[in-house]
Amino acid sequence: MKKITDQRVFVQVEKAFDEPAETIFDAWLDTDMLSHWMFGPAVRNEEVLNLTNDPRPGGRFSFQVRRDNEILNHIGAYLEINRPSLLVFTWGVDIEPGDESVVTIRITSTATGCVLQLEHDMDIKWSEYADRTEEGWTYMIGLLHNYLQRHRNK
């Protein structure tokens, strides 16, 4: 789902999980887990070069990959961390400095696991990429679900 205002674009994705909220929350901060569902050959045709993470308010992350012949460095800073229910961070690519957006992840426990709600808040100039952004997050959250299912069944 997306919402567009005069200044901002909000992309929203929601998914239910059978796992506890803590497991889903930790999957966003653990670089080993990230390499199985957000980055790397399991996700797309890319090579993980370096995943560094300092998961604390004010801490930064750098997730560097090679796609084809291009090196992309996804960067950001943690604004809020409240395990297991809230994670807020900036999100950008270092080849576009100053264009960081904000991603908010809310995780609510349920009787059978939890529900993840992701909102990606971007500047209006990125509105033409809203559908692609929604598709990308939906795809990656689906990969997270699949990764956790495989991991649980081992």
Protein backbone atom coordinates (compact mmCIF):
# COMPACT_ATOMS: atom_id res chain seq x y z
CA MET A 1 0.00 0.00 0.00
CA LYS A 2 1.23 3.51 -0.65
CA LYS A 3 0.18 6.99 0.38
CA ILE A 4 1.43 10.15 -1.32
CA THR A 5 1.23 13.65 0.17
CA ASP A 6 2.55 16.96 -1.15
CA GLN A 7 6.00 16.31 0.30
CA ARG A 8 6.32 12.61 1.17
CA VAL A 9 5.67 9.12 -0.15
CA PHE A 10 4.78 6.39 2.34
CA VAL A 11 5.10 2.75 1.27
CA GLN A 12 3.55 0.22 3.64
CA VAL A 13 3.93 -3.56 3.76
CA GLU A 14 2.49 -5.97 6.31
CA LYS A 15 3.10 -9.69 6.91
CA ALA A 16 2.07 -12.21 9.57
CA PHE A 17 4.70 -14.62 10.89
CA ASP A 18 4.47 -17.82 12.94
CA GLU A 19 7.66 -16.86 14.79
CA PRO A 20 7.83 -14.79 17.97
CA ALA A 21 8.34 -11.03 17.67
CA GLU A 22 11.88 -11.32 19.04
CA THR A 23 12.94 -13.61 16.18
CA ILE A 24 11.60 -11.23 13.54
CA PHE A 25 13.13 -8.21 15.26
CA ASP A 26 16.54 -9.86 15.54
CA ALA A 27 16.48 -10.81 11.84
CA TRP A 28 16.77 -7.10 11.01
CA LEU A 29 19.90 -6.64 13.14
CA ASP A 30 21.86 -9.90 12.80
CA THR A 31 24.21 -9.60 9.82
CA ASP A 32 24.38 -13.37 9.33
CA MET A 33 20.60 -13.55 9.06
CA LEU A 34 20.52 -10.47 6.80
CA SER A 35 22.88 -12.23 4.39
CA HIS A 36 20.26 -14.95 3.89
CA TRP A 37 17.15 -12.87 3.24
CA MET A 38 18.00 -9.24 2.48
CA PHE A 39 21.32 -9.47 0.65
CA GLY A 40 23.36 -11.98 -1.28
CA PRO A 41 22.84 -14.70 -3.87
CA ALA A 42 19.76 -16.09 -2.09
CA VAL A 43 18.03 -12.78 -2.82
CA ARG A 44 19.33 -11.72 -6.24
CA ASN A 45 22.39 -11.99 -8.44
CA GLU A 46 24.81 -10.22 -6.11
CA GLU A 47 27.81 -10.88 -3.90
CA VAL A 48 27.94 -9.71 -0.28
CA LEU A 49 31.16 -7.75 0.24
CA ASN A 50 30.69 -6.46 3.77
CA LEU A 51 27.85 -6.22 6.28
CA THR A 52 28.64 -4.07 9.31
CA ASN A 53 26.16 -3.09 11.95
CA ASP A 54 26.13 -1.11 15.20
CA PRO A 55 22.55 -1.73 16.38
CA ARG A 56 21.95 1.00 18.96
CA PRO A 57 20.26 4.40 18.76
CA GLY A 58 22.72 6.58 16.85
CA GLY A 59 24.60 3.51 15.60
CA ARG A 60 25.15 3.10 11.89
CA PHE A 61 25.10 0.25 9.39
CA SER A 62 26.74 -0.39 6.04
CA PHE A 63 25.63 -3.27 3.83
CA GLN A 64 27.92 -3.45 0.80
CA VAL A 65 27.21 -5.71 -2.18
CA ARG A 66 28.38 -6.14 -5.77
CA ARG A 67 25.67 -6.38 -8.43
CA ASP A 68 27.06 -7.04 -11.86
CA ASN A 69 30.04 -4.66 -11.95
CA GLU A 70 28.56 -2.07 -9.59
CA ILE A 71 29.29 -1.83 -5.87
CA LEU A 72 26.31 -0.65 -3.82
CA ASN A 73 26.59 0.37 -0.19
CA HIS A 74 23.27 0.53 1.64
CA ILE A 75 23.79 2.83 4.60
CA GLY A 76 21.81 4.21 7.48
CA ALA A 77 21.57 5.06 11.13
CA TYR A 78 19.33 3.72 13.86
CA LEU A 79 16.93 6.32 15.22
CA GLU A 80 14.95 4.09 17.61
CA ILE A 81 15.41 0.53 18.82
CA ASN A 82 12.83 -0.97 21.17
CA ARG A 83 13.17 -4.76 21.08
CA PRO A 84 10.99 -6.51 20.02
CA SER A 85 8.36 -4.04 18.89
CA LEU A 86 9.94 -1.02 17.15
CA LEU A 87 12.89 -0.38 14.86
CA VAL A 88 13.38 2.96 13.07
CA PHE A 89 16.34 3.68 10.82
CA THR A 90 17.42 5.85 7.93
CA TRP A 91 17.98 4.08 4.62
CA GLY A 92 20.01 5.16 1.64
CA VAL A 93 22.69 4.25 -0.86
CA ASP A 94 26.04 6.01 -0.61
CA ILE A 95 26.05 6.93 -4.30
CA GLU A 96 23.09 9.22 -3.53
CA PRO A 97 24.24 11.06 -0.38
CA GLY A 98 21.65 13.14 1.40
CA ASP A 99 18.79 11.12 -0.04
CA GLU A 100 18.21 8.93 2.99
CA SER A 101 14.67 7.93 3.74
CA VAL A 102 13.24 6.55 6.99
CA VAL A 103 12.05 2.97 7.53
CA THR A 104 9.84 2.18 10.53
CA ILE A 105 9.23 -1.42 11.52
CA ARG A 106 6.52 -2.23 14.04
CA ILE A 107 6.16 -5.79 15.29
CA THR A 108 3.08 -6.81 17.24
CA SER A 109 2.83 -10.13 19.05
CA THR A 110 -0.17 -12.32 18.25
CA ALA A 111 -1.49 -15.60 19.64
CA THR A 112 0.30 -17.50 16.87
CA GLY A 113 3.42 -15.38 16.35
CA CYS A 114 3.51 -11.76 15.26
CA VAL A 115 2.67 -9.23 12.58
CA LEU A 116 5.34 -7.05 10.98
CA GLN A 117 4.31 -3.65 9.64
CA LEU A 118 6.91 -1.78 7.60
CA GLU A 119 6.58 1.84 6.52
CA HIS A 120 9.13 3.43 4.20
CA ASP A 121 8.93 7.24 4.26
CA MET A 122 10.56 8.85 1.21
CA ASP A 123 10.83 12.32 -0.29
CA ILE A 124 8.20 13.08 -2.94
CA LYS A 125 10.90 13.12 -5.64
CA TRP A 126 11.00 9.31 -5.32
CA SER A 127 7.25 8.90 -5.96
CA GLU A 128 7.81 7.19 -9.32
CA TYR A 129 9.69 4.44 -7.41
CA ALA A 130 6.93 3.84 -4.84
CA ASP A 131 5.51 0.74 -6.54
CA ARG A 132 8.98 -0.72 -7.06
CA THR A 133 9.86 0.01 -3.42
CA GLU A 134 6.69 -1.72 -2.23
CA GLU A 135 7.41 -4.73 -4.45
CA GLY A 136 10.99 -4.87 -3.17
CA TRP A 137 10.04 -4.83 0.51
CA THR A 138 7.24 -7.34 -0.08
CA TYR A 139 9.71 -9.63 -1.84
CA MET A 140 12.36 -9.33 0.88
CA ILE A 141 9.91 -9.83 3.74
CA GLY A 142 8.66 -12.91 1.89
CA LEU A 143 12.27 -14.12 1.71
CA LEU A 144 12.60 -13.52 5.46
CA HIS A 145 9.49 -15.66 6.00
CA ASN A 146 10.89 -18.42 3.77
CA TYR A 147 14.32 -18.28 5.43
CA LEU A 148 12.80 -18.62 8.90
CA GLN A 149 10.57 -21.49 7.75
CA ARG A 150 13.60 -23.38 6.38
CA HIS A 151 15.65 -22.59 9.47
CA ARG A 152 12.87 -23.77 11.79
CA ASN A 153 12.42 -27.05 9.89
CA LYS A 154 16.11 -28.05 10.17
